[in-house]
């Protein structure tokens, strides 16, 4: 990989190398420093990987790699307050860290009826559709979401609902087992990967993001742009977007009862759903525009 990066830099001769994924960032920064190039290195952190729920030895190794990448870079961009606080605790990089939240532009959506049909075409009209769009990985906490839905399914006085997970990944078999064990096949569905899945959010009544680890998730900005009332775990930059019981509901990761309680509340309280959705849309459109992100990034490029 170092050789490939070197050949690419030699061919393109960029003034700036903007690095994103953790592994590529370390290799790219090392390559530039080894060849003693004048290329400016900018590293954007999409959630510090040493905060992932893994073993202590793994986390320490990733911590060292992340710190070295930041040290070798000329500027480090973080996308949420939590990552900014973590960055300022790393030695010798405090003065080159910049907070630039993700920004979003408008996007096309399907008409509500078409989106609902694509998500759950067999659901009666008065059924509430709960949607998660995520890779099927452990960090997304989807097993906890399904077990929370199983709790709700056993209750008799709830409005009808369906839970649709859009996405693909390594945890599919595990999630399918949970659906079978909990007898959720009539309530929950793994819809697989759908290109342009954000276009289906117009058919969602509630958006659920049960992640164990996040940076500042675009999918939450997409749901917010459309005013979809949201339940999300208080991890990473989620708290920069959602204020509990003001424009959505925050829960702790892995807490299946809390997920169930929040979903139950929103299923029953339609007026609160509408209020949360409107407040979230206002927040996202005001604070997380693409133009703001672009202008701040250009400022960092010019320093």
C-alpha atoms as a PDB file:
ATOM      1  CA  UNK A   1       0.000   0.000   0.000  1.00  0.00           C
ATOM      2  CA  UNK A   2       2.816   2.466   0.759  1.00  0.00           C
ATOM      3  CA  UNK A   3       4.231   1.926  -2.721  1.00  0.00           C
ATOM      4  CA  UNK A   4       0.818   2.431  -4.323  1.00  0.00           C
ATOM      5  CA  UNK A   5       0.252   5.644  -2.386  1.00  0.00           C
ATOM      6  CA  UNK A   6       3.735   6.878  -3.361  1.00  0.00           C
ATOM      7  CA  UNK A   7       3.063   6.168  -7.034  1.00  0.00           C
ATOM      8  CA  UNK A   8      -0.299   7.951  -6.840  1.00  0.00           C
ATOM      9  CA  UNK A   9       1.262  11.022  -5.213  1.00  0.00           C
ATOM     10  CA  UNK A  10       4.046  11.063  -7.802  1.00  0.00           C
ATOM     11  CA  UNK A  11       1.510  10.898 -10.632  1.00  0.00           C
ATOM     12  CA  UNK A  12      -1.036  13.413  -9.317  1.00  0.00           C
ATOM     13  CA  UNK A  13       1.343  15.820  -7.494  1.00  0.00           C
ATOM     14  CA  UNK A  14      -1.334  17.217  -5.170  1.00  0.00           C
ATOM     15  CA  UNK A  15      -0.894  20.219  -2.909  1.00  0.00           C
ATOM     16  CA  UNK A  16      -3.157  18.667  -0.267  1.00  0.00           C
ATOM     17  CA  UNK A  17      -3.709  15.054   0.727  1.00  0.00           C
ATOM     18  CA  UNK A  18      -7.027  14.726   2.574  1.00  0.00           C
ATOM     19  CA  UNK A  19      -7.240  11.405   4.399  1.00  0.00           C
ATOM     20  CA  UNK A  20     -10.333   9.812   5.886  1.00  0.00           C
ATOM     21  CA  UNK A  21     -10.296   6.122   6.805  1.00  0.00           C
ATOM     22  CA  UNK A  22      -8.014   5.336   9.750  1.00  0.00           C
ATOM     23  CA  UNK A  23      -5.774   2.801   7.996  1.00  0.00           C
ATOM     24  CA  UNK A  24      -5.439   4.829   4.791  1.00  0.00           C
ATOM     25  CA  UNK A  25      -4.766   7.955   6.830  1.00  0.00           C
ATOM     26  CA  UNK A  26      -1.814   6.440   8.663  1.00  0.00           C
ATOM     27  CA  UNK A  27      -0.317   5.007   5.472  1.00  0.00           C
ATOM     28  CA  UNK A  28      -0.848   8.247   3.565  1.00  0.00           C
ATOM     29  CA  UNK A  29       0.658  10.417   6.291  1.00  0.00           C
ATOM     30  CA  UNK A  30       3.658   8.106   6.643  1.00  0.00           C
ATOM     31  CA  UNK A  31       4.270   8.125   2.895  1.00  0.00           C
ATOM     32  CA  UNK A  32       4.268  11.923   2.661  1.00  0.00           C
ATOM     33  CA  UNK A  33       6.617  12.268   5.637  1.00  0.00           C
ATOM     34  CA  UNK A  34       8.994   9.536   4.392  1.00  0.00           C
ATOM     35  CA  UNK A  35       9.432  11.175   0.998  1.00  0.00           C
ATOM     36  CA  UNK A  36       9.793  14.569   2.702  1.00  0.00           C
ATOM     37  CA  UNK A  37       7.157  16.093   0.455  1.00  0.00           C
ATOM     38  CA  UNK A  38       5.645  19.557   0.902  1.00  0.00           C
ATOM     39  CA  UNK A  39       2.131  18.122   0.503  1.00  0.00           C
ATOM     40  CA  UNK A  40      -0.212  19.329   3.240  1.00  0.00           C
ATOM     41  CA  UNK A  41      -1.727  16.395   5.162  1.00  0.00           C
ATOM     42  CA  UNK A  42      -5.278  16.741   6.456  1.00  0.00           C
ATOM     43  CA  UNK A  43      -6.826  13.925   8.474  1.00  0.00           C
ATOM     44  CA  UNK A  44     -10.573  13.776   9.098  1.00  0.00           C
ATOM     45  CA  UNK A  45     -11.652  11.592  12.018  1.00  0.00           C
ATOM     46  CA  UNK A  46     -15.033   9.946  11.561  1.00  0.00           C
ATOM     47  CA  UNK A  47     -15.204   8.757  15.161  1.00  0.00           C
ATOM     48  CA  UNK A  48     -11.967   7.785  16.942  1.00  0.00           C
ATOM     49  CA  UNK A  49     -11.636   3.993  16.457  1.00  0.00           C
ATOM     50  CA  UNK A  50     -10.080   3.502  19.908  1.00  0.00           C
ATOM     51  CA  UNK A  51     -13.540   4.207  21.352  1.00  0.00           C
ATOM     52  CA  UNK A  52     -14.960   1.049  19.808  1.00  0.00           C
ATOM     53  CA  UNK A  53     -16.048  -1.638  22.319  1.00  0.00           C
ATOM     54  CA  UNK A  54     -13.111  -4.043  21.878  1.00  0.00           C
ATOM     55  CA  UNK A  55     -10.343  -5.555  23.990  1.00  0.00           C
ATOM     56  CA  UNK A  56      -7.942  -3.315  25.906  1.00  0.00           C
ATOM     57  CA  UNK A  57      -4.853  -4.389  23.942  1.00  0.00           C
ATOM     58  CA  UNK A  58      -6.550  -3.737  20.598  1.00  0.00           C
ATOM     59  CA  UNK A  59      -7.764  -0.348  21.753  1.00  0.00           C
ATOM     60  CA  UNK A  60      -4.293   0.635  22.981  1.00  0.00           C
ATOM     61  CA  UNK A  61      -2.731  -0.306  19.632  1.00  0.00           C
ATOM     62  CA  UNK A  62      -5.364   1.670  17.727  1.00  0.00           C
ATOM     63  CA  UNK A  63      -4.894   4.593  20.124  1.00  0.00           C
ATOM     64  CA  UNK A  64      -1.175   4.708  19.287  1.00  0.00           C
ATOM     65  CA  UNK A  65      -1.864   4.450  15.542  1.00  0.00           C
ATOM     66  CA  UNK A  66      -4.494   7.196  15.704  1.00  0.00           C
ATOM     67  CA  UNK A  67      -2.221   9.472  17.717  1.00  0.00           C
ATOM     68  CA  UNK A  68       0.680   8.892  15.285  1.00  0.00           C
ATOM     69  CA  UNK A  69      -1.572   9.730  12.324  1.00  0.00           C
ATOM     70  CA  UNK A  70      -2.687  12.945  14.003  1.00  0.00           C
ATOM     71  CA  UNK A  71       0.893  13.814  14.923  1.00  0.00           C
ATOM     72  CA  UNK A  72       2.074  13.360  11.322  1.00  0.00           C
ATOM     73  CA  UNK A  73      -0.791  15.411   9.894  1.00  0.00           C
ATOM     74  CA  UNK A  74      -0.734  19.171   9.479  1.00  0.00           C
ATOM     75  CA  UNK A  75      -4.409  19.520  10.409  1.00  0.00           C
ATOM     76  CA  UNK A  76      -6.915  17.200  12.052  1.00  0.00           C
ATOM     77  CA  UNK A  77     -10.639  17.636  11.419  1.00  0.00           C
ATOM     78  CA  UNK A  78     -13.130  16.157  13.871  1.00  0.00           C
ATOM     79  CA  UNK A  79     -16.851  16.073  13.200  1.00  0.00           C
ATOM     80  CA  UNK A  80     -18.392  16.169  16.671  1.00  0.00           C
ATOM     81  CA  UNK A  81     -17.809  17.546  20.169  1.00  0.00           C
ATOM     82  CA  UNK A  82     -17.025  14.129  21.657  1.00  0.00           C
ATOM     83  CA  UNK A  83     -14.201  13.577  19.169  1.00  0.00           C
ATOM     84  CA  UNK A  84     -12.937  17.122  19.751  1.00  0.00           C
ATOM     85  CA  UNK A  85     -12.639  16.449  23.484  1.00  0.00           C
ATOM     86  CA  UNK A  86     -10.818  13.174  22.797  1.00  0.00           C
ATOM     87  CA  UNK A  87      -8.463  14.883  20.334  1.00  0.00           C
ATOM     88  CA  UNK A  88      -7.511  17.563  22.855  1.00  0.00           C
ATOM     89  CA  UNK A  89      -6.360  14.849  25.238  1.00  0.00           C
ATOM     90  CA  UNK A  90      -3.863  13.509  22.693  1.00  0.00           C
ATOM     91  CA  UNK A  91      -0.326  14.871  23.238  1.00  0.00           C
ATOM     92  CA  UNK A  92       1.033  17.619  20.957  1.00  0.00           C
ATOM     93  CA  UNK A  93      -1.919  17.962  18.554  1.00  0.00           C
ATOM     94  CA  UNK A  94      -4.301  20.308  20.375  1.00  0.00           C
ATOM     95  CA  UNK A  95      -3.427  23.371  18.272  1.00  0.00           C
ATOM     96  CA  UNK A  96      -4.081  21.703  14.921  1.00  0.00           C
ATOM     97  CA  UNK A  97      -7.535  20.251  15.612  1.00  0.00           C
ATOM     98  CA  UNK A  98     -10.600  21.788  13.955  1.00  0.00           C
ATOM     99  CA  UNK A  99     -14.252  20.958  14.565  1.00  0.00           C
ATOM    100  CA  UNK A 100     -16.207  20.770  11.294  1.00  0.00           C
ATOM    101  CA  UNK A 101     -19.512  18.897  11.624  1.00  0.00           C
ATOM    102  CA  UNK A 102     -20.856  16.940   8.682  1.00  0.00           C
ATOM    103  CA  UNK A 103     -23.194  18.911   6.456  1.00  0.00           C
ATOM    104  CA  UNK A 104     -26.038  17.770   4.260  1.00  0.00           C
ATOM    105  CA  UNK A 105     -27.674  18.988   1.074  1.00  0.00           C
ATOM    106  CA  UNK A 106     -31.252  18.395   0.026  1.00  0.00           C
ATOM    107  CA  UNK A 107     -31.965  15.025  -1.596  1.00  0.00           C
ATOM    108  CA  UNK A 108     -34.789  13.401  -3.517  1.00  0.00           C
ATOM    109  CA  UNK A 109     -37.274  11.113  -1.814  1.00  0.00           C
ATOM    110  CA  UNK A 110     -40.056   8.859  -2.998  1.00  0.00           C
ATOM    111  CA  UNK A 111     -43.651   9.897  -2.410  1.00  0.00           C
ATOM    112  CA  UNK A 112     -44.759   8.716   1.019  1.00  0.00           C
ATOM    113  CA  UNK A 113     -47.054   5.982  -0.285  1.00  0.00           C
ATOM    114  CA  UNK A 114     -44.377   4.589  -2.609  1.00  0.00           C
ATOM    115  CA  UNK A 115     -41.762   4.645   0.162  1.00  0.00           C
ATOM    116  CA  UNK A 116     -44.097   2.877   2.592  1.00  0.00           C
ATOM    117  CA  UNK A 117     -44.851   0.242  -0.015  1.00  0.00           C
ATOM    118  CA  UNK A 118     -41.142  -0.335  -0.639  1.00  0.00           C
ATOM    119  CA  UNK A 119     -40.465  -0.701   3.086  1.00  0.00           C
ATOM    120  CA  UNK A 120     -43.473  -2.794   4.111  1.00  0.00           C
ATOM    121  CA  UNK A 121     -45.868  -3.453   1.241  1.00  0.00           C
ATOM    122  CA  UNK A 122     -48.029  -5.839   3.264  1.00  0.00           C
ATOM    123  CA  UNK A 123     -48.568  -3.458   6.203  1.00  0.00           C
ATOM    124  CA  UNK A 124     -52.075  -2.074   6.797  1.00  0.00           C
ATOM    125  CA  UNK A 125     -52.400   1.663   6.225  1.00  0.00           C
ATOM    126  CA  UNK A 126     -52.544   2.587   9.917  1.00  0.00           C
ATOM    127  CA  UNK A 127     -49.355   0.673  10.743  1.00  0.00           C
ATOM    128  CA  UNK A 128     -46.426   2.738  12.070  1.00  0.00           C
ATOM    129  CA  UNK A 129     -43.182   1.964  10.268  1.00  0.00           C
ATOM    130  CA  UNK A 130     -39.970   2.092  12.299  1.00  0.00           C
ATOM    131  CA  UNK A 131     -36.835   2.234  10.133  1.00  0.00           C
ATOM    132  CA  UNK A 132     -33.110   1.771  10.679  1.00  0.00           C
ATOM    133  CA  UNK A 133     -30.626   2.347   7.856  1.00  0.00           C
ATOM    134  CA  UNK A 134     -27.231   0.923   8.809  1.00  0.00           C
ATOM    135  CA  UNK A 135     -24.529  -1.559   7.933  1.00  0.00           C
ATOM    136  CA  UNK A 136     -25.218  -4.861   9.635  1.00  0.00           C
ATOM    137  CA  UNK A 137     -22.224  -4.720  11.967  1.00  0.00           C
ATOM    138  CA  UNK A 138     -21.841  -5.125  15.710  1.00  0.00           C
ATOM    139  CA  UNK A 139     -21.196  -1.400  16.198  1.00  0.00           C
ATOM    140  CA  UNK A 140     -24.720  -0.603  14.999  1.00  0.00           C
ATOM    141  CA  UNK A 141     -26.382  -2.377  17.952  1.00  0.00           C
ATOM    142  CA  UNK A 142     -29.059  -3.992  15.789  1.00  0.00           C
ATOM    143  CA  UNK A 143     -29.358  -7.145  17.902  1.00  0.00           C
ATOM    144  CA  UNK A 144     -30.434  -4.972  20.829  1.00  0.00           C
ATOM    145  CA  UNK A 145     -32.986  -3.217  18.640  1.00  0.00           C
ATOM    146  CA  UNK A 146     -34.516  -6.512  17.564  1.00  0.00           C
ATOM    147  CA  UNK A 147     -34.758  -7.765  21.139  1.00  0.00           C
ATOM    148  CA  UNK A 148     -36.404  -4.490  22.126  1.00  0.00           C
ATOM    149  CA  UNK A 149     -38.921  -4.981  19.322  1.00  0.00           C
ATOM    150  CA  UNK A 150     -39.561  -8.494  20.676  1.00  0.00           C
ATOM    151  CA  UNK A 151     -40.491  -6.936  24.030  1.00  0.00           C
ATOM    152  CA  UNK A 152     -42.966  -4.650  22.324  1.00  0.00           C
ATOM    153  CA  UNK A 153     -44.461  -7.432  20.250  1.00  0.00           C
ATOM    154  CA  UNK A 154     -45.562  -9.199  23.433  1.00  0.00           C
ATOM    155  CA  UNK A 155     -47.593  -6.184  24.543  1.00  0.00           C
ATOM    156  CA  UNK A 156     -51.270  -6.167  23.607  1.00  0.00           C
ATOM    157  CA  UNK A 157     -52.256  -2.513  23.795  1.00  0.00           C
ATOM    158  CA  UNK A 158     -49.795  -1.008  21.300  1.00  0.00           C
ATOM    159  CA  UNK A 159     -50.658   0.443  17.892  1.00  0.00           C
ATOM    160  CA  UNK A 160     -49.609  -1.779  14.992  1.00  0.00           C
ATOM    161  CA  UNK A 161     -46.021  -1.338  13.833  1.00  0.00           C
ATOM    162  CA  UNK A 162     -43.315  -2.855  11.658  1.00  0.00           C
ATOM    163  CA  UNK A 163     -39.553  -2.625  12.057  1.00  0.00           C
ATOM    164  CA  UNK A 164     -37.486  -2.486   8.861  1.00  0.00           C
ATOM    165  CA  UNK A 165     -33.677  -2.629   8.806  1.00  0.00           C
ATOM    166  CA  UNK A 166     -32.145  -1.432   5.528  1.00  0.00           C
ATOM    167  CA  UNK A 167     -28.542  -2.457   4.968  1.00  0.00           C
ATOM    168  CA  UNK A 168     -26.199  -5.381   4.543  1.00  0.00           C
ATOM    169  CA  UNK A 169     -23.196  -6.734   6.415  1.00  0.00           C
ATOM    170  CA  UNK A 170     -21.450  -9.403   8.410  1.00  0.00           C
ATOM    171  CA  UNK A 171     -24.101  -9.621  11.151  1.00  0.00           C
ATOM    172  CA  UNK A 172     -26.948 -10.683   8.848  1.00  0.00           C
ATOM    173  CA  UNK A 173     -26.925 -14.348   9.906  1.00  0.00           C
ATOM    174  CA  UNK A 174     -26.926 -13.388  13.596  1.00  0.00           C
ATOM    175  CA  UNK A 175     -29.807 -10.966  13.113  1.00  0.00           C
ATOM    176  CA  UNK A 176     -31.763 -13.564  11.147  1.00  0.00           C
ATOM    177  CA  UNK A 177     -31.322 -15.982  14.060  1.00  0.00           C
ATOM    178  CA  UNK A 178     -32.718 -13.419  16.492  1.00  0.00           C
ATOM    179  CA  UNK A 179     -35.726 -12.798  14.237  1.00  0.00           C
ATOM    180  CA  UNK A 180     -36.373 -16.547  14.124  1.00  0.00           C
ATOM    181  CA  UNK A 181     -35.806 -17.128  17.862  1.00  0.00           C
ATOM    182  CA  UNK A 182     -38.041 -14.225  18.881  1.00  0.00           C
ATOM    183  CA  UNK A 183     -40.672 -15.072  16.239  1.00  0.00           C
ATOM    184  CA  UNK A 184     -40.430 -11.611  14.722  1.00  0.00           C
ATOM    185  CA  UNK A 185     -40.891 -12.516  11.057  1.00  0.00           C
ATOM    186  CA  UNK A 186     -44.275 -10.782  10.843  1.00  0.00           C
ATOM    187  CA  UNK A 187     -43.001  -7.631  12.576  1.00  0.00           C
ATOM    188  CA  UNK A 188     -39.319  -7.221  11.639  1.00  0.00           C
ATOM    189  CA  UNK A 189     -37.597  -7.486   8.252  1.00  0.00           C
ATOM    190  CA  UNK A 190     -34.043  -7.247   6.973  1.00  0.00           C
ATOM    191  CA  UNK A 191     -34.540  -5.411   3.693  1.00  0.00           C
ATOM    192  CA  UNK A 192     -30.921  -5.752   2.533  1.00  0.00           C
ATOM    193  CA  UNK A 193     -28.872  -3.111   0.762  1.00  0.00           C
ATOM    194  CA  UNK A 194     -30.985  -0.597  -1.153  1.00  0.00           C
ATOM    195  CA  UNK A 195     -29.195   2.032  -3.288  1.00  0.00           C
ATOM    196  CA  UNK A 196     -30.250   5.528  -2.290  1.00  0.00           C
ATOM    197  CA  UNK A 197     -31.939   4.194   0.828  1.00  0.00           C
ATOM    198  CA  UNK A 198     -32.384   7.719   2.194  1.00  0.00           C
ATOM    199  CA  UNK A 199     -35.116   8.218  -0.408  1.00  0.00           C
ATOM    200  CA  UNK A 200     -37.266   5.755   1.565  1.00  0.00           C
ATOM    201  CA  UNK A 201     -37.199   7.820   4.764  1.00  0.00           C
ATOM    202  CA  UNK A 202     -40.286   9.665   3.536  1.00  0.00           C
ATOM    203  CA  UNK A 203     -42.178   6.464   4.368  1.00  0.00           C
ATOM    204  CA  UNK A 204     -40.868   6.191   7.947  1.00  0.00           C
ATOM    205  CA  UNK A 205     -42.921   7.144  10.987  1.00  0.00           C
ATOM    206  CA  UNK A 206     -40.002   6.665  13.416  1.00  0.00           C
ATOM    207  CA  UNK A 207     -36.255   6.398  12.815  1.00  0.00           C
ATOM    208  CA  UNK A 208     -34.187   4.243  15.172  1.00  0.00           C
ATOM    209  CA  UNK A 209     -30.373   4.391  15.458  1.00  0.00           C
ATOM    210  CA  UNK A 210     -29.267   1.949  18.207  1.00  0.00           C
ATOM    211  CA  UNK A 211     -25.494   2.269  17.582  1.00  0.00           C
ATOM    212  CA  UNK A 212     -22.762   1.385  20.063  1.00  0.00           C
ATOM    213  CA  UNK A 213     -20.333   3.774  18.365  1.00  0.00           C
ATOM    214  CA  UNK A 214     -20.765   6.671  15.938  1.00  0.00           C
ATOM    215  CA  UNK A 215     -19.028   9.718  14.573  1.00  0.00           C
ATOM    216  CA  UNK A 216     -21.653  12.149  13.346  1.00  0.00           C
ATOM    217  CA  UNK A 217     -23.975   9.918  11.313  1.00  0.00           C
ATOM    218  CA  UNK A 218     -25.210  11.200   7.972  1.00  0.00           C
ATOM    219  CA  UNK A 219     -28.239   8.942   8.193  1.00  0.00           C
ATOM    220  CA  UNK A 220     -29.380  10.853  11.260  1.00  0.00           C
ATOM    221  CA  UNK A 221     -29.025  14.128   9.347  1.00  0.00           C
ATOM    222  CA  UNK A 222     -31.023  12.591   6.497  1.00  0.00           C
ATOM    223  CA  UNK A 223     -33.820  11.549   8.846  1.00  0.00           C
ATOM    224  CA  UNK A 224     -33.709  14.988  10.452  1.00  0.00           C
ATOM    225  CA  UNK A 225     -33.908  16.787   7.116  1.00  0.00           C
ATOM    226  CA  UNK A 226     -37.234  15.040   6.517  1.00  0.00           C
ATOM    227  CA  UNK A 227     -38.464  15.608  10.069  1.00  0.00           C
ATOM    228  CA  UNK A 228     -38.661  11.927  10.974  1.00  0.00           C
ATOM    229  CA  UNK A 229     -38.990  11.570  14.777  1.00  0.00           C
ATOM    230  CA  UNK A 230     -35.937   9.740  16.052  1.00  0.00           C
ATOM    231  CA  UNK A 231     -34.740   7.464  18.824  1.00  0.00           C
ATOM    232  CA  UNK A 232     -30.936   7.190  19.013  1.00  0.00           C
ATOM    233  CA  UNK A 233     -28.204   6.130  21.407  1.00  0.00           C
ATOM    234  CA  UNK A 234     -26.199   8.882  23.099  1.00  0.00           C
ATOM    235  CA  UNK A 235     -22.863   8.009  21.470  1.00  0.00           C
ATOM    236  CA  UNK A 236     -20.351  10.092  19.529  1.00  0.00           C
ATOM    237  CA  UNK A 237     -21.853  13.037  17.699  1.00  0.00           C
ATOM    238  CA  UNK A 238     -25.460  11.898  18.082  1.00  0.00           C
ATOM    239  CA  UNK A 239     -25.758  14.239  21.076  1.00  0.00           C
ATOM    240  CA  UNK A 240     -24.725  17.151  18.835  1.00  0.00           C
ATOM    241  CA  UNK A 241     -27.898  16.555  16.826  1.00  0.00           C
ATOM    242  CA  UNK A 242     -30.445  15.137  19.285  1.00  0.00           C
ATOM    243  CA  UNK A 243     -31.426  16.834  22.543  1.00  0.00           C
ATOM    244  CA  UNK A 244     -33.385  14.370  24.656  1.00  0.00           C
ATOM    245  CA  UNK A 245     -37.141  15.042  24.773  1.00  0.00           C
ATOM    246  CA  UNK A 246     -36.673  18.276  22.800  1.00  0.00           C
ATOM    247  CA  UNK A 247     -36.138  17.101  19.233  1.00  0.00           C
ATOM    248  CA  UNK A 248     -35.935  13.342  19.757  1.00  0.00           C
ATOM    249  CA  UNK A 249     -35.193  10.692  22.352  1.00  0.00           C
ATOM    250  CA  UNK A 250     -31.738   9.623  23.557  1.00  0.00           C
ATOM    251  CA  UNK A 251     -31.081   6.226  25.107  1.00  0.00           C
ATOM    252  CA  UNK A 252     -27.985   4.455  26.381  1.00  0.00           C
ATOM    253  CA  UNK A 253     -26.348   1.845  24.120  1.00  0.00           C
ATOM    254  CA  UNK A 254     -27.233  -1.833  24.644  1.00  0.00           C
ATOM    255  CA  UNK A 255     -30.244  -0.944  26.816  1.00  0.00           C
ATOM    256  CA  UNK A 256     -33.032  -2.975  25.236  1.00  0.00           C
ATOM    257  CA  UNK A 257     -35.618  -1.839  27.762  1.00  0.00           C
ATOM    258  CA  UNK A 258     -34.797   1.814  27.055  1.00  0.00           C
ATOM    259  CA  UNK A 259     -35.179   1.225  23.313  1.00  0.00           C
ATOM    260  CA  UNK A 260     -38.530  -0.446  23.907  1.00  0.00           C
ATOM    261  CA  UNK A 261     -39.697   2.308  26.268  1.00  0.00           C
ATOM    262  CA  UNK A 262     -38.783   5.062  23.793  1.00  0.00           C
ATOM    263  CA  UNK A 263     -40.440   3.319  20.853  1.00  0.00           C
ATOM    264  CA  UNK A 264     -43.559   2.637  22.916  1.00  0.00           C
ATOM    265  CA  UNK A 265     -43.785   6.310  23.842  1.00  0.00           C
ATOM    266  CA  UNK A 266     -43.525   7.472  20.229  1.00  0.00           C
ATOM    267  CA  UNK A 267     -45.926   4.812  18.960  1.00  0.00           C
ATOM    268  CA  UNK A 268     -48.553   6.074  21.401  1.00  0.00           C
ATOM    269  CA  UNK A 269     -47.855   9.810  21.329  1.00  0.00           C
ATOM    270  CA  UNK A 270     -48.446  11.012  17.771  1.00  0.00           C
ATOM    271  CA  UNK A 271     -48.384  14.708  18.728  1.00  0.00           C
ATOM    272  CA  UNK A 272     -44.978  14.292  20.389  1.00  0.00           C
ATOM    273  CA  UNK A 273     -43.729  12.525  17.278  1.00  0.00           C
ATOM    274  CA  UNK A 274     -44.768  15.449  15.146  1.00  0.00           C
ATOM    275  CA  UNK A 275     -43.207  17.978  17.539  1.00  0.00           C
ATOM    276  CA  UNK A 276     -39.912  16.084  17.773  1.00  0.00           C
ATOM    277  CA  UNK A 277     -39.736  15.691  13.992  1.00  0.00           C
ATOM    278  CA  UNK A 278     -40.339  19.383  13.340  1.00  0.00           C
ATOM    279  CA  UNK A 279     -37.770  20.454  15.941  1.00  0.00           C
ATOM    280  CA  UNK A 280     -35.176  18.029  14.571  1.00  0.00           C
ATOM    281  CA  UNK A 281     -35.682  19.282  11.025  1.00  0.00           C
ATOM    282  CA  UNK A 282     -35.200  22.866  12.178  1.00  0.00           C
ATOM    283  CA  UNK A 283     -31.976  21.921  14.000  1.00  0.00           C
ATOM    284  CA  UNK A 284     -30.475  20.028  11.062  1.00  0.00           C
ATOM    285  CA  UNK A 285     -31.307  22.673   8.466  1.00  0.00           C
ATOM    286  CA  UNK A 286     -29.894  25.418  10.713  1.00  0.00           C
ATOM    287  CA  UNK A 287     -26.686  23.800  12.000  1.00  0.00           C
ATOM    288  CA  UNK A 288     -25.660  21.062   9.565  1.00  0.00           C
ATOM    289  CA  UNK A 289     -25.751  22.522   6.074  1.00  0.00           C
ATOM    290  CA  UNK A 290     -23.368  21.392   3.355  1.00  0.00           C
ATOM    291  CA  UNK A 291     -22.387  25.007   2.645  1.00  0.00           C
ATOM    292  CA  UNK A 292     -21.185  25.508   6.249  1.00  0.00           C
ATOM    293  CA  UNK A 293     -19.131  22.318   6.113  1.00  0.00           C
ATOM    294  CA  UNK A 294     -17.603  23.292   2.759  1.00  0.00           C
ATOM    295  CA  UNK A 295     -16.625  26.816   3.774  1.00  0.00           C
ATOM    296  CA  UNK A 296     -14.988  25.663   7.018  1.00  0.00           C
ATOM    297  CA  UNK A 297     -13.078  22.920   5.178  1.00  0.00           C
ATOM    298  CA  UNK A 298     -11.761  25.427   2.627  1.00  0.00           C
ATOM    299  CA  UNK A 299     -10.562  27.599   5.518  1.00  0.00           C
ATOM    300  CA  UNK A 300      -8.527  24.675   6.870  1.00  0.00           C
ATOM    301  CA  UNK A 301      -7.110  24.015   3.374  1.00  0.00           C
ATOM    302  CA  UNK A 302      -5.883  27.603   3.206  1.00  0.00           C
ATOM    303  CA  UNK A 303      -4.135  27.738   6.595  1.00  0.00           C
END
